[in-house]
Structure formats: structure tokens, C-alpha cells
């Protein structure tokens, strides 16, 4: 996935001279996770460059550049490092188009390595997607595969609106083929078809959901997996079509459950699919605590066993068992 993101940045820099890449250590070092490796040497330090440790300044500078015709792609080195830039993001980046009656767009991409699973500590493992999806004016996307990482980032850079691009850092080393097939930005994708229950996941939890679906076969459950890919705007059509078919749904994400993004997903599914549901929509999430120390994170993050336990609580009855048989 890291290589796919690197290629997407390189291809965007090659295709459009207005694209710039900057942030902390993204230049000669190539970033903490080497996502920008080699880009400064190839395109020069006028287009790929390091910045001071000042996230508000990074985003504020990107806003000014975008107002003057450039397409900045900036990196927040870790998820929680972005919080000093939050005022710039929510008060200016997200609102400029509306504030100017559509006259000024801000084609800015903010790359944010997010989530846990790497043995990091607090300020390095946050899942902060709900802060951004709650802010009108921002598009929020997160890839779950290398292929989506490439295509989503290319589309994000081409977007006329600001995009928060959340990169699941625990999946940076995931391998996969890149496709040139047409891509529908802002659309979810059924990763695995099934008929008994829908698992709704995104980013780092897509792989966990697919592992769970494979394990569920041994329990007699045929599990469908939906990868949201774009968190805002939300693809009600794809998600609800799946839930109407299966009649059951579980939402999985790393962030704490209280006020988490899964609550919005569960509410939308319940409102739109209520008469098709055989059981309440359940969530499997991180616990409502600050991110734990590395030795404890495996207990905090949703696992295959925890998701299987949720599936087992979906009020299965004899009629469904006979149907599966």
C-alpha cells in the first residue's frame, strides 16, 4: 500500500505541475513510513519539500496556495499530530467554498496516517475520522487495499474540494495488484458477497472483516463484506442494498464506540432498512478509553473473535438456520 501511495503521488506530480507535496520529513527522508520516498530527488525541492513542525502552519500555507491555483498534498505525520491544524481545517478549509458563494475552491489533500496496530503509543494511533466526517465541506476517504490506495489518492488530488485522506498505517505493508479499471469515487464496494449478515468496515478493518467472513463459514454464516472507502459523503445506496438483502448488519471500526462513526452508519441503516432488519444493527469498536500501551492494543482493537461474537448476537432463529442449511 505504501508503494501504491508513492506511485499515486509520483503520477500526480508528473501529470500536473500545480501539484505540490509537503510536510514534516517528506523530502529527502521520504516520510516516516517512506510513502514519499524518492519524490524529492525526482521532482526537486520546489515541489516536494520539508516543513517546520507546525501543523497549523502547514495547512494554513496549503490553503493560501490553493487559493492561488496550486494543488497542495500535505502530510500530517501521525493522526493525532493533526489536531493543532484542526482550526484551519474546520474554520477555513472546509468553509471557503461556501463562504465565497462557490467562487473559491480549495483543492487540498491532507494525508493522515491513522489507526493502531503498529505498537505505537498515544498521539500515534488515533482513529479521528469522526471529527472530519462531522464537518460539512470535507470529503473523507480511507482505502483498505493497495489498489484503492492508488486510485482514491489520484481521485482525491483531482477533486475540486478538500479531501481528508486517511491512510491505515497498519496496512502500509499489505500487498496487492493495481487495477486500471474505471473507478467510482464516493461509492462503497461489496468486497465479498453473502446472504446472512452484512459486515460494514473501512480502512484498517476491511482486512479484519474479510478474515471474519472466512472464519464465519465454519459457523454456517454466509457473510457479506462492504468496504465503505468514502466516509463522507456516505453511499447509502450500496450499504442499504446489502442490508436489505441480508437483514442483519454489524459495523466495525477501530475508533471508540461512543459518538464514533459507526453510530452514524447504524442510524442511517436503521432509518432506511428498519422493516427489513431481523435484529438491531450492532457495532464492534475500540473501547472508550485513550489509546492503550503497545502491549495492550491487541485487546483494544476489534478482532475476528469479537466480530464473530457480535454476529452470534444477531437474534438467529430456526427459520434462518433452516434457510442456511
C-alpha atoms as a PDB file:
ATOM      1  CA  UNK A   1       0.000   0.000   0.000  1.00  0.00           C
ATOM      2  CA  UNK A   2       2.831   2.425   0.789  1.00  0.00           C
ATOM      3  CA  UNK A   3       4.227   1.799  -2.688  1.00  0.00           C
ATOM      4  CA  UNK A   4       0.818   2.370  -4.279  1.00  0.00           C
ATOM      5  CA  UNK A   5       0.506   5.713  -2.497  1.00  0.00           C
ATOM      6  CA  UNK A   6       4.036   6.653  -3.582  1.00  0.00           C
ATOM      7  CA  UNK A   7       3.181   5.830  -7.173  1.00  0.00           C
ATOM      8  CA  UNK A   8      -0.050   7.844  -6.986  1.00  0.00           C
ATOM      9  CA  UNK A   9       1.838  10.889  -5.739  1.00  0.00           C
ATOM     10  CA  UNK A  10       4.520  10.479  -8.401  1.00  0.00           C
ATOM     11  CA  UNK A  11       1.964  10.105 -11.184  1.00  0.00           C
ATOM     12  CA  UNK A  12       0.040  13.165  -9.960  1.00  0.00           C
ATOM     13  CA  UNK A  13       3.225  15.247  -9.767  1.00  0.00           C
ATOM     14  CA  UNK A  14       4.138  14.110 -13.272  1.00  0.00           C
ATOM     15  CA  UNK A  15       0.702  14.829 -14.718  1.00  0.00           C
ATOM     16  CA  UNK A  16       0.028  18.240 -13.156  1.00  0.00           C
ATOM     17  CA  UNK A  17       2.664  20.925 -12.497  1.00  0.00           C
ATOM     18  CA  UNK A  18       0.383  22.618  -9.955  1.00  0.00           C
ATOM     19  CA  UNK A  19       0.587  19.608  -7.582  1.00  0.00           C
ATOM     20  CA  UNK A  20       2.921  20.077  -4.597  1.00  0.00           C
ATOM     21  CA  UNK A  21       3.788  17.669  -1.784  1.00  0.00           C
ATOM     22  CA  UNK A  22       4.998  18.935   1.579  1.00  0.00           C
ATOM     23  CA  UNK A  23       5.000  18.145   5.289  1.00  0.00           C
ATOM     24  CA  UNK A  24       7.281  17.022   8.093  1.00  0.00           C
ATOM     25  CA  UNK A  25      10.169  14.848   6.812  1.00  0.00           C
ATOM     26  CA  UNK A  26       8.508  14.115   3.450  1.00  0.00           C
ATOM     27  CA  UNK A  27      11.515  15.418   1.495  1.00  0.00           C
ATOM     28  CA  UNK A  28      14.908  13.631   1.417  1.00  0.00           C
ATOM     29  CA  UNK A  29      13.894  11.217   4.205  1.00  0.00           C
ATOM     30  CA  UNK A  30      10.777  10.123   2.307  1.00  0.00           C
ATOM     31  CA  UNK A  31       8.459  10.318   5.303  1.00  0.00           C
ATOM     32  CA  UNK A  32       8.332   8.227   8.479  1.00  0.00           C
ATOM     33  CA  UNK A  33       6.669   5.400   6.540  1.00  0.00           C
ATOM     34  CA  UNK A  34       8.618   6.124   3.319  1.00  0.00           C
ATOM     35  CA  UNK A  35       5.453   6.942   1.390  1.00  0.00           C
ATOM     36  CA  UNK A  36       7.199   9.901  -0.281  1.00  0.00           C
ATOM     37  CA  UNK A  37      10.490   8.070  -0.808  1.00  0.00           C
ATOM     38  CA  UNK A  38      12.394   9.336  -3.858  1.00  0.00           C
ATOM     39  CA  UNK A  39       9.910  12.059  -4.785  1.00  0.00           C
ATOM     40  CA  UNK A  40      12.099  14.997  -3.728  1.00  0.00           C
ATOM     41  CA  UNK A  41      15.042  13.652  -5.732  1.00  0.00           C
ATOM     42  CA  UNK A  42      12.860  13.130  -8.792  1.00  0.00           C
ATOM     43  CA  UNK A  43      10.799  16.329  -8.770  1.00  0.00           C
ATOM     44  CA  UNK A  44      13.032  18.743  -6.871  1.00  0.00           C
ATOM     45  CA  UNK A  45      12.700  20.577  -3.573  1.00  0.00           C
ATOM     46  CA  UNK A  46      10.447  23.244  -5.100  1.00  0.00           C
ATOM     47  CA  UNK A  47       7.650  20.699  -5.448  1.00  0.00           C
ATOM     48  CA  UNK A  48       8.406  18.168  -2.677  1.00  0.00           C
ATOM     49  CA  UNK A  49       9.771  19.720   0.487  1.00  0.00           C
ATOM     50  CA  UNK A  50      10.010  19.550   4.256  1.00  0.00           C
ATOM     51  CA  UNK A  51       8.225  21.935   6.605  1.00  0.00           C
ATOM     52  CA  UNK A  52       8.740  23.021  10.214  1.00  0.00           C
ATOM     53  CA  UNK A  53       6.931  21.059  12.947  1.00  0.00           C
ATOM     54  CA  UNK A  54       3.887  23.301  12.726  1.00  0.00           C
ATOM     55  CA  UNK A  55       0.730  21.562  11.535  1.00  0.00           C
ATOM     56  CA  UNK A  56      -1.442  24.689  11.644  1.00  0.00           C
ATOM     57  CA  UNK A  57       1.149  26.422   9.501  1.00  0.00           C
ATOM     58  CA  UNK A  58       1.292  23.505   7.063  1.00  0.00           C
ATOM     59  CA  UNK A  59      -2.467  23.540   6.461  1.00  0.00           C
ATOM     60  CA  UNK A  60      -2.697  27.335   6.502  1.00  0.00           C
ATOM     61  CA  UNK A  61       0.026  27.521   3.855  1.00  0.00           C
ATOM     62  CA  UNK A  62      -1.784  24.896   1.772  1.00  0.00           C
ATOM     63  CA  UNK A  63      -4.986  26.958   1.924  1.00  0.00           C
ATOM     64  CA  UNK A  64      -3.173  30.041   0.644  1.00  0.00           C
ATOM     65  CA  UNK A  65      -1.538  28.044  -2.144  1.00  0.00           C
ATOM     66  CA  UNK A  66      -4.856  26.531  -3.213  1.00  0.00           C
ATOM     67  CA  UNK A  67      -6.486  29.968  -3.297  1.00  0.00           C
ATOM     68  CA  UNK A  68      -3.820  30.915  -5.836  1.00  0.00           C
ATOM     69  CA  UNK A  69      -4.192  27.990  -8.218  1.00  0.00           C
ATOM     70  CA  UNK A  70      -1.998  25.242  -6.762  1.00  0.00           C
ATOM     71  CA  UNK A  71      -2.978  21.737  -5.620  1.00  0.00           C
ATOM     72  CA  UNK A  72      -1.169  21.023  -2.356  1.00  0.00           C
ATOM     73  CA  UNK A  73      -0.942  17.496  -0.937  1.00  0.00           C
ATOM     74  CA  UNK A  74       0.205  17.757   2.667  1.00  0.00           C
ATOM     75  CA  UNK A  75       1.067  15.085   5.190  1.00  0.00           C
ATOM     76  CA  UNK A  76       0.240  15.043   8.875  1.00  0.00           C
ATOM     77  CA  UNK A  77       2.967  12.725  10.164  1.00  0.00           C
ATOM     78  CA  UNK A  78       0.620  10.882  12.545  1.00  0.00           C
ATOM     79  CA  UNK A  79      -3.131  11.066  13.172  1.00  0.00           C
ATOM     80  CA  UNK A  80      -3.095  12.995  16.450  1.00  0.00           C
ATOM     81  CA  UNK A  81      -0.392  15.345  15.170  1.00  0.00           C
ATOM     82  CA  UNK A  82      -3.129  16.897  13.018  1.00  0.00           C
ATOM     83  CA  UNK A  83      -5.043  18.344  15.959  1.00  0.00           C
ATOM     84  CA  UNK A  84      -3.106  21.661  16.059  1.00  0.00           C
ATOM     85  CA  UNK A  85      -4.311  22.195  12.462  1.00  0.00           C
ATOM     86  CA  UNK A  86      -7.942  21.473  13.312  1.00  0.00           C
ATOM     87  CA  UNK A  87      -8.983  25.131  13.412  1.00  0.00           C
ATOM     88  CA  UNK A  88      -7.531  25.741   9.959  1.00  0.00           C
ATOM     89  CA  UNK A  89      -9.305  22.630   8.635  1.00  0.00           C
ATOM     90  CA  UNK A  90     -12.746  23.209  10.120  1.00  0.00           C
ATOM     91  CA  UNK A  91     -12.920  27.022  10.036  1.00  0.00           C
ATOM     92  CA  UNK A  92     -11.301  27.730   6.682  1.00  0.00           C
ATOM     93  CA  UNK A  93     -10.501  24.689   4.539  1.00  0.00           C
ATOM     94  CA  UNK A  94     -13.997  23.211   4.876  1.00  0.00           C
ATOM     95  CA  UNK A  95     -15.881  26.514   4.607  1.00  0.00           C
ATOM     96  CA  UNK A  96     -14.117  28.585   1.961  1.00  0.00           C
ATOM     97  CA  UNK A  97     -16.256  27.465  -0.980  1.00  0.00           C
ATOM     98  CA  UNK A  98     -19.462  28.218   0.920  1.00  0.00           C
ATOM     99  CA  UNK A  99     -18.054  31.451   2.360  1.00  0.00           C
ATOM    100  CA  UNK A 100     -17.274  32.768  -1.132  1.00  0.00           C
ATOM    101  CA  UNK A 101     -20.556  31.599  -2.715  1.00  0.00           C
ATOM    102  CA  UNK A 102     -18.618  28.995  -4.682  1.00  0.00           C
ATOM    103  CA  UNK A 103     -16.089  31.419  -6.169  1.00  0.00           C
ATOM    104  CA  UNK A 104     -13.070  29.999  -4.306  1.00  0.00           C
ATOM    105  CA  UNK A 105     -12.473  26.252  -4.151  1.00  0.00           C
ATOM    106  CA  UNK A 106      -9.676  24.664  -2.184  1.00  0.00           C
ATOM    107  CA  UNK A 107      -8.319  21.518  -3.896  1.00  0.00           C
ATOM    108  CA  UNK A 108      -6.225  20.449  -0.917  1.00  0.00           C
ATOM    109  CA  UNK A 109      -5.497  16.860   0.117  1.00  0.00           C
ATOM    110  CA  UNK A 110      -4.476  16.207   3.711  1.00  0.00           C
ATOM    111  CA  UNK A 111      -2.875  12.785   4.083  1.00  0.00           C
ATOM    112  CA  UNK A 112      -3.220  11.366   7.587  1.00  0.00           C
ATOM    113  CA  UNK A 113      -1.646   8.025   8.592  1.00  0.00           C
ATOM    114  CA  UNK A 114      -4.173   6.818  11.183  1.00  0.00           C
ATOM    115  CA  UNK A 115      -5.179   3.939  13.423  1.00  0.00           C
ATOM    116  CA  UNK A 116      -3.312   1.452  15.560  1.00  0.00           C
ATOM    117  CA  UNK A 117      -1.756  -1.960  15.181  1.00  0.00           C
ATOM    118  CA  UNK A 118       1.870  -0.803  14.876  1.00  0.00           C
ATOM    119  CA  UNK A 119       2.932  -0.886  18.525  1.00  0.00           C
ATOM    120  CA  UNK A 120       2.731   2.886  18.830  1.00  0.00           C
ATOM    121  CA  UNK A 121       1.662   4.986  21.781  1.00  0.00           C
ATOM    122  CA  UNK A 122      -0.937   7.707  22.229  1.00  0.00           C
ATOM    123  CA  UNK A 123      -0.746  10.586  19.706  1.00  0.00           C
ATOM    124  CA  UNK A 124       0.436   7.986  17.163  1.00  0.00           C
ATOM    125  CA  UNK A 125      -2.559   5.607  16.927  1.00  0.00           C
ATOM    126  CA  UNK A 126      -5.749   7.688  16.944  1.00  0.00           C
ATOM    127  CA  UNK A 127      -8.729   6.964  14.712  1.00  0.00           C
ATOM    128  CA  UNK A 128     -10.013  10.503  14.246  1.00  0.00           C
ATOM    129  CA  UNK A 129     -12.359  10.059  11.283  1.00  0.00           C
ATOM    130  CA  UNK A 130     -15.487  11.216  13.135  1.00  0.00           C
ATOM    131  CA  UNK A 131     -14.036  14.684  13.691  1.00  0.00           C
ATOM    132  CA  UNK A 132     -13.709  15.179   9.953  1.00  0.00           C
ATOM    133  CA  UNK A 133     -16.886  13.465   8.770  1.00  0.00           C
ATOM    134  CA  UNK A 134     -18.847  15.698  11.150  1.00  0.00           C
ATOM    135  CA  UNK A 135     -17.517  18.765   9.312  1.00  0.00           C
ATOM    136  CA  UNK A 136     -19.554  19.765   6.223  1.00  0.00           C
ATOM    137  CA  UNK A 137     -17.374  20.753   3.290  1.00  0.00           C
ATOM    138  CA  UNK A 138     -14.822  17.971   3.644  1.00  0.00           C
ATOM    139  CA  UNK A 139     -14.632  14.740   1.679  1.00  0.00           C
ATOM    140  CA  UNK A 140     -13.231  11.939   3.811  1.00  0.00           C
ATOM    141  CA  UNK A 141     -11.840   8.757   2.266  1.00  0.00           C
ATOM    142  CA  UNK A 142      -9.847   5.785   3.516  1.00  0.00           C
ATOM    143  CA  UNK A 143      -8.515   2.884   1.428  1.00  0.00           C
ATOM    144  CA  UNK A 144      -8.492  -0.713   2.596  1.00  0.00           C
ATOM    145  CA  UNK A 145      -6.365  -2.184  -0.218  1.00  0.00           C
ATOM    146  CA  UNK A 146      -3.306  -1.088  -2.259  1.00  0.00           C
ATOM    147  CA  UNK A 147      -5.442  -0.779  -5.377  1.00  0.00           C
ATOM    148  CA  UNK A 148      -7.881   1.565  -3.676  1.00  0.00           C
ATOM    149  CA  UNK A 149      -4.980   3.481  -2.133  1.00  0.00           C
ATOM    150  CA  UNK A 150      -3.667   4.376  -5.573  1.00  0.00           C
ATOM    151  CA  UNK A 151      -6.958   5.181  -7.238  1.00  0.00           C
ATOM    152  CA  UNK A 152      -8.534   7.003  -4.295  1.00  0.00           C
ATOM    153  CA  UNK A 153      -5.466   9.216  -3.877  1.00  0.00           C
ATOM    154  CA  UNK A 154      -5.364  10.079  -7.573  1.00  0.00           C
ATOM    155  CA  UNK A 155      -9.064  10.983  -7.467  1.00  0.00           C
ATOM    156  CA  UNK A 156      -8.588  12.950  -4.237  1.00  0.00           C
ATOM    157  CA  UNK A 157      -5.825  15.051  -5.816  1.00  0.00           C
ATOM    158  CA  UNK A 158      -8.050  15.722  -8.853  1.00  0.00           C
ATOM    159  CA  UNK A 159     -11.010  16.712  -6.658  1.00  0.00           C
ATOM    160  CA  UNK A 160     -12.031  20.396  -6.663  1.00  0.00           C
ATOM    161  CA  UNK A 161     -12.882  20.131  -2.964  1.00  0.00           C
ATOM    162  CA  UNK A 162     -10.713  19.471   0.104  1.00  0.00           C
ATOM    163  CA  UNK A 163     -10.161  15.804   0.937  1.00  0.00           C
ATOM    164  CA  UNK A 164      -9.057  14.237   4.210  1.00  0.00           C
ATOM    165  CA  UNK A 165      -7.203  11.128   3.070  1.00  0.00           C
ATOM    166  CA  UNK A 166      -6.927   8.665   5.963  1.00  0.00           C
ATOM    167  CA  UNK A 167      -4.235   6.033   5.432  1.00  0.00           C
ATOM    168  CA  UNK A 168      -4.470   2.887   7.622  1.00  0.00           C
ATOM    169  CA  UNK A 169      -0.852   2.690   8.690  1.00  0.00           C
ATOM    170  CA  UNK A 170      -1.083  -0.922   9.898  1.00  0.00           C
ATOM    171  CA  UNK A 171      -1.891  -1.877   6.290  1.00  0.00           C
ATOM    172  CA  UNK A 172       1.014   0.014   4.661  1.00  0.00           C
ATOM    173  CA  UNK A 173       2.786  -3.317   4.098  1.00  0.00           C
ATOM    174  CA  UNK A 174      -0.252  -5.056   2.578  1.00  0.00           C
ATOM    175  CA  UNK A 175       0.413  -6.252  -0.965  1.00  0.00           C
ATOM    176  CA  UNK A 176      -1.929  -6.431  -3.938  1.00  0.00           C
ATOM    177  CA  UNK A 177      -2.291  -5.763  -7.652  1.00  0.00           C
ATOM    178  CA  UNK A 178      -3.129  -2.345  -9.070  1.00  0.00           C
ATOM    179  CA  UNK A 179      -6.041  -2.135 -11.495  1.00  0.00           C
ATOM    180  CA  UNK A 180      -6.759   0.279 -14.322  1.00  0.00           C
ATOM    181  CA  UNK A 181     -10.491  -0.423 -14.328  1.00  0.00           C
ATOM    182  CA  UNK A 182     -12.878   2.561 -14.105  1.00  0.00           C
ATOM    183  CA  UNK A 183     -13.338   3.728 -10.527  1.00  0.00           C
ATOM    184  CA  UNK A 184     -16.433   5.233  -8.890  1.00  0.00           C
ATOM    185  CA  UNK A 185     -15.273   7.821  -6.368  1.00  0.00           C
ATOM    186  CA  UNK A 186     -17.632   8.214  -3.388  1.00  0.00           C
ATOM    187  CA  UNK A 187     -19.002   4.692  -3.759  1.00  0.00           C
ATOM    188  CA  UNK A 188     -18.747   1.758  -1.376  1.00  0.00           C
ATOM    189  CA  UNK A 189     -17.826  -1.696  -2.663  1.00  0.00           C
ATOM    190  CA  UNK A 190     -19.050  -5.201  -1.831  1.00  0.00           C
ATOM    191  CA  UNK A 191     -15.766  -6.983  -1.179  1.00  0.00           C
ATOM    192  CA  UNK A 192     -17.374 -10.359  -0.503  1.00  0.00           C
ATOM    193  CA  UNK A 193     -20.953 -11.355  -1.349  1.00  0.00           C
ATOM    194  CA  UNK A 194     -23.069 -13.140   1.247  1.00  0.00           C
ATOM    195  CA  UNK A 195     -26.695 -13.644   2.231  1.00  0.00           C
ATOM    196  CA  UNK A 196     -26.918 -13.896   6.050  1.00  0.00           C
ATOM    197  CA  UNK A 197     -25.315 -10.749   7.501  1.00  0.00           C
ATOM    198  CA  UNK A 198     -23.508  -7.617   6.281  1.00  0.00           C
ATOM    199  CA  UNK A 199     -20.208  -6.550   7.805  1.00  0.00           C
ATOM    200  CA  UNK A 200     -19.620  -2.838   7.198  1.00  0.00           C
ATOM    201  CA  UNK A 201     -15.987  -1.797   7.508  1.00  0.00           C
ATOM    202  CA  UNK A 202     -13.439   0.667   6.194  1.00  0.00           C
ATOM    203  CA  UNK A 203      -9.704   1.332   6.206  1.00  0.00           C
ATOM    204  CA  UNK A 204      -7.767  -0.977   8.527  1.00  0.00           C
ATOM    205  CA  UNK A 205     -10.831  -3.050   9.411  1.00  0.00           C
ATOM    206  CA  UNK A 206     -11.569  -4.221   5.862  1.00  0.00           C
ATOM    207  CA  UNK A 207      -8.981  -6.997   6.152  1.00  0.00           C
ATOM    208  CA  UNK A 208     -10.343  -7.936   9.591  1.00  0.00           C
ATOM    209  CA  UNK A 209     -13.881  -8.124   8.200  1.00  0.00           C
ATOM    210  CA  UNK A 210     -12.761 -10.382   5.365  1.00  0.00           C
ATOM    211  CA  UNK A 211     -10.922 -12.655   7.816  1.00  0.00           C
ATOM    212  CA  UNK A 212     -14.066 -12.799   9.924  1.00  0.00           C
ATOM    213  CA  UNK A 213     -16.209 -13.695   6.909  1.00  0.00           C
ATOM    214  CA  UNK A 214     -13.904 -16.611   6.104  1.00  0.00           C
ATOM    215  CA  UNK A 215     -13.987 -17.824   9.720  1.00  0.00           C
ATOM    216  CA  UNK A 216     -17.789 -17.452   9.869  1.00  0.00           C
ATOM    217  CA  UNK A 217     -18.216 -20.092   7.190  1.00  0.00           C
ATOM    218  CA  UNK A 218     -17.269 -22.701   9.782  1.00  0.00           C
ATOM    219  CA  UNK A 219     -20.208 -21.493  11.915  1.00  0.00           C
ATOM    220  CA  UNK A 220     -22.608 -21.736   8.979  1.00  0.00           C
ATOM    221  CA  UNK A 221     -22.908 -17.978   8.370  1.00  0.00           C
ATOM    222  CA  UNK A 222     -22.616 -16.583   4.855  1.00  0.00           C
ATOM    223  CA  UNK A 223     -21.204 -13.095   5.443  1.00  0.00           C
ATOM    224  CA  UNK A 224     -21.223 -10.164   3.034  1.00  0.00           C
ATOM    225  CA  UNK A 225     -18.473  -7.544   3.484  1.00  0.00           C
ATOM    226  CA  UNK A 226     -18.994  -3.924   2.410  1.00  0.00           C
ATOM    227  CA  UNK A 227     -15.954  -1.635   2.244  1.00  0.00           C
ATOM    228  CA  UNK A 228     -17.163   1.962   2.620  1.00  0.00           C
ATOM    229  CA  UNK A 229     -13.993   3.530   1.126  1.00  0.00           C
ATOM    230  CA  UNK A 230     -15.569   7.003   1.222  1.00  0.00           C
ATOM    231  CA  UNK A 231     -16.840   8.031   4.654  1.00  0.00           C
ATOM    232  CA  UNK A 232     -18.198  11.421   3.580  1.00  0.00           C
ATOM    233  CA  UNK A 233     -20.292  11.635   1.523  1.00  0.00           C
ATOM    234  CA  UNK A 234     -21.882   8.339   2.540  1.00  0.00           C
ATOM    235  CA  UNK A 235     -23.016   5.770  -0.020  1.00  0.00           C
ATOM    236  CA  UNK A 236     -26.461   4.885   1.337  1.00  0.00           C
ATOM    237  CA  UNK A 237     -27.430   3.039  -1.835  1.00  0.00           C
ATOM    238  CA  UNK A 238     -24.749   0.340  -1.742  1.00  0.00           C
ATOM    239  CA  UNK A 239     -24.869  -0.181   2.018  1.00  0.00           C
ATOM    240  CA  UNK A 240     -28.646  -0.348   2.248  1.00  0.00           C
ATOM    241  CA  UNK A 241     -28.942  -2.674  -0.740  1.00  0.00           C
ATOM    242  CA  UNK A 242     -26.695  -5.120   1.087  1.00  0.00           C
ATOM    243  CA  UNK A 243     -28.538  -4.855   4.403  1.00  0.00           C
ATOM    244  CA  UNK A 244     -31.952  -5.203   2.760  1.00  0.00           C
ATOM    245  CA  UNK A 245     -30.688  -8.437   1.207  1.00  0.00           C
ATOM    246  CA  UNK A 246     -29.157  -9.929   4.381  1.00  0.00           C
ATOM    247  CA  UNK A 247     -31.429  -8.436   7.063  1.00  0.00           C
ATOM    248  CA  UNK A 248     -28.582  -8.059   9.561  1.00  0.00           C
ATOM    249  CA  UNK A 249     -25.617  -5.707   9.929  1.00  0.00           C
ATOM    250  CA  UNK A 250     -22.501  -5.222  12.054  1.00  0.00           C
ATOM    251  CA  UNK A 251     -20.335  -2.104  11.786  1.00  0.00           C
ATOM    252  CA  UNK A 252     -16.627  -2.480  12.606  1.00  0.00           C
ATOM    253  CA  UNK A 253     -14.106   0.280  13.306  1.00  0.00           C
ATOM    254  CA  UNK A 254     -11.053   0.929  15.488  1.00  0.00           C
ATOM    255  CA  UNK A 255     -12.213   4.237  16.976  1.00  0.00           C
ATOM    256  CA  UNK A 256     -14.009   4.299  20.352  1.00  0.00           C
ATOM    257  CA  UNK A 257     -17.674   3.379  20.110  1.00  0.00           C
ATOM    258  CA  UNK A 258     -19.292   6.333  21.897  1.00  0.00           C
ATOM    259  CA  UNK A 259     -20.016   9.009  19.297  1.00  0.00           C
ATOM    260  CA  UNK A 260     -17.979   7.056  16.762  1.00  0.00           C
ATOM    261  CA  UNK A 261     -18.528   6.934  13.015  1.00  0.00           C
ATOM    262  CA  UNK A 262     -20.272   3.566  13.369  1.00  0.00           C
ATOM    263  CA  UNK A 263     -23.104   5.238  15.282  1.00  0.00           C
ATOM    264  CA  UNK A 264     -23.947   7.301  12.200  1.00  0.00           C
ATOM    265  CA  UNK A 265     -23.783   4.216   9.992  1.00  0.00           C
ATOM    266  CA  UNK A 266     -26.045   2.260  12.354  1.00  0.00           C
ATOM    267  CA  UNK A 267     -28.550   5.126  12.489  1.00  0.00           C
ATOM    268  CA  UNK A 268     -28.693   5.516   8.707  1.00  0.00           C
ATOM    269  CA  UNK A 269     -29.127   1.789   8.165  1.00  0.00           C
ATOM    270  CA  UNK A 270     -31.839   1.572  10.825  1.00  0.00           C
ATOM    271  CA  UNK A 271     -33.753   4.542   9.419  1.00  0.00           C
ATOM    272  CA  UNK A 272     -33.661   3.268   5.843  1.00  0.00           C
ATOM    273  CA  UNK A 273     -33.857  -0.504   6.333  1.00  0.00           C
ATOM    274  CA  UNK A 274     -35.935  -0.843   9.506  1.00  0.00           C
ATOM    275  CA  UNK A 275     -38.628  -3.095   8.064  1.00  0.00           C
ATOM    276  CA  UNK A 276     -36.011  -5.403   6.548  1.00  0.00           C
ATOM    277  CA  UNK A 277     -33.960  -5.895   9.722  1.00  0.00           C
ATOM    278  CA  UNK A 278     -34.188  -9.167  11.664  1.00  0.00           C
ATOM    279  CA  UNK A 279     -32.062  -7.804  14.540  1.00  0.00           C
ATOM    280  CA  UNK A 280     -30.629  -4.495  15.783  1.00  0.00           C
ATOM    281  CA  UNK A 281     -27.567  -3.146  13.999  1.00  0.00           C
ATOM    282  CA  UNK A 282     -24.529  -3.904  16.176  1.00  0.00           C
ATOM    283  CA  UNK A 283     -21.109  -2.267  16.418  1.00  0.00           C
ATOM    284  CA  UNK A 284     -17.681  -3.696  17.185  1.00  0.00           C
ATOM    285  CA  UNK A 285     -15.266  -0.890  18.038  1.00  0.00           C
ATOM    286  CA  UNK A 286     -12.304   0.156  20.093  1.00  0.00           C
ATOM    287  CA  UNK A 287     -13.050   0.727  23.773  1.00  0.00           C
ATOM    288  CA  UNK A 288     -13.994   4.148  25.145  1.00  0.00           C
ATOM    289  CA  UNK A 289     -10.521   4.820  26.519  1.00  0.00           C
ATOM    290  CA  UNK A 290      -7.392   6.705  25.472  1.00  0.00           C
ATOM    291  CA  UNK A 291      -5.287   4.559  23.178  1.00  0.00           C
ATOM    292  CA  UNK A 292      -3.582   1.882  25.319  1.00  0.00           C
ATOM    293  CA  UNK A 293       0.131   0.993  25.578  1.00  0.00           C
ATOM    294  CA  UNK A 294       1.552  -1.250  22.819  1.00  0.00           C
ATOM    295  CA  UNK A 295       1.367  -4.448  24.860  1.00  0.00           C
ATOM    296  CA  UNK A 296      -2.372  -3.992  25.362  1.00  0.00           C
ATOM    297  CA  UNK A 297      -3.501  -2.765  21.934  1.00  0.00           C
ATOM    298  CA  UNK A 298      -4.394  -6.252  20.695  1.00  0.00           C
ATOM    299  CA  UNK A 299      -7.159  -6.321  23.335  1.00  0.00           C
ATOM    300  CA  UNK A 300      -8.374  -2.846  22.352  1.00  0.00           C
ATOM    301  CA  UNK A 301      -8.601  -3.313  18.594  1.00  0.00           C
ATOM    302  CA  UNK A 302     -11.544  -5.220  17.085  1.00  0.00           C
ATOM    303  CA  UNK A 303     -10.563  -8.814  16.337  1.00  0.00           C
ATOM    304  CA  UNK A 304     -12.051 -11.684  14.380  1.00  0.00           C
ATOM    305  CA  UNK A 305     -13.307 -13.275  17.615  1.00  0.00           C
ATOM    306  CA  UNK A 306     -15.026 -10.067  18.756  1.00  0.00           C
ATOM    307  CA  UNK A 307     -16.761  -9.652  15.397  1.00  0.00           C
ATOM    308  CA  UNK A 308     -17.858 -13.298  15.405  1.00  0.00           C
ATOM    309  CA  UNK A 309     -19.308 -12.780  18.893  1.00  0.00           C
ATOM    310  CA  UNK A 310     -21.334  -9.837  17.564  1.00  0.00           C
ATOM    311  CA  UNK A 311     -22.642 -11.909  14.653  1.00  0.00           C
ATOM    312  CA  UNK A 312     -23.718 -14.598  17.121  1.00  0.00           C
ATOM    313  CA  UNK A 313     -25.818 -11.989  18.991  1.00  0.00           C
ATOM    314  CA  UNK A 314     -27.919 -11.090  15.941  1.00  0.00           C
ATOM    315  CA  UNK A 315     -31.040 -12.967  17.090  1.00  0.00           C
ATOM    316  CA  UNK A 316     -30.706 -16.003  14.836  1.00  0.00           C
ATOM    317  CA  UNK A 317     -33.809 -18.186  14.817  1.00  0.00           C
ATOM    318  CA  UNK A 318     -34.783 -21.617  13.481  1.00  0.00           C
ATOM    319  CA  UNK A 319     -36.166 -20.169  10.267  1.00  0.00           C
ATOM    320  CA  UNK A 320     -32.777 -18.664   9.363  1.00  0.00           C
ATOM    321  CA  UNK A 321     -30.901 -21.833  10.297  1.00  0.00           C
ATOM    322  CA  UNK A 322     -33.146 -23.882   8.002  1.00  0.00           C
ATOM    323  CA  UNK A 323     -32.610 -21.307   5.241  1.00  0.00           C
ATOM    324  CA  UNK A 324     -28.824 -21.599   5.566  1.00  0.00           C
ATOM    325  CA  UNK A 325     -28.967 -25.374   5.557  1.00  0.00           C
END
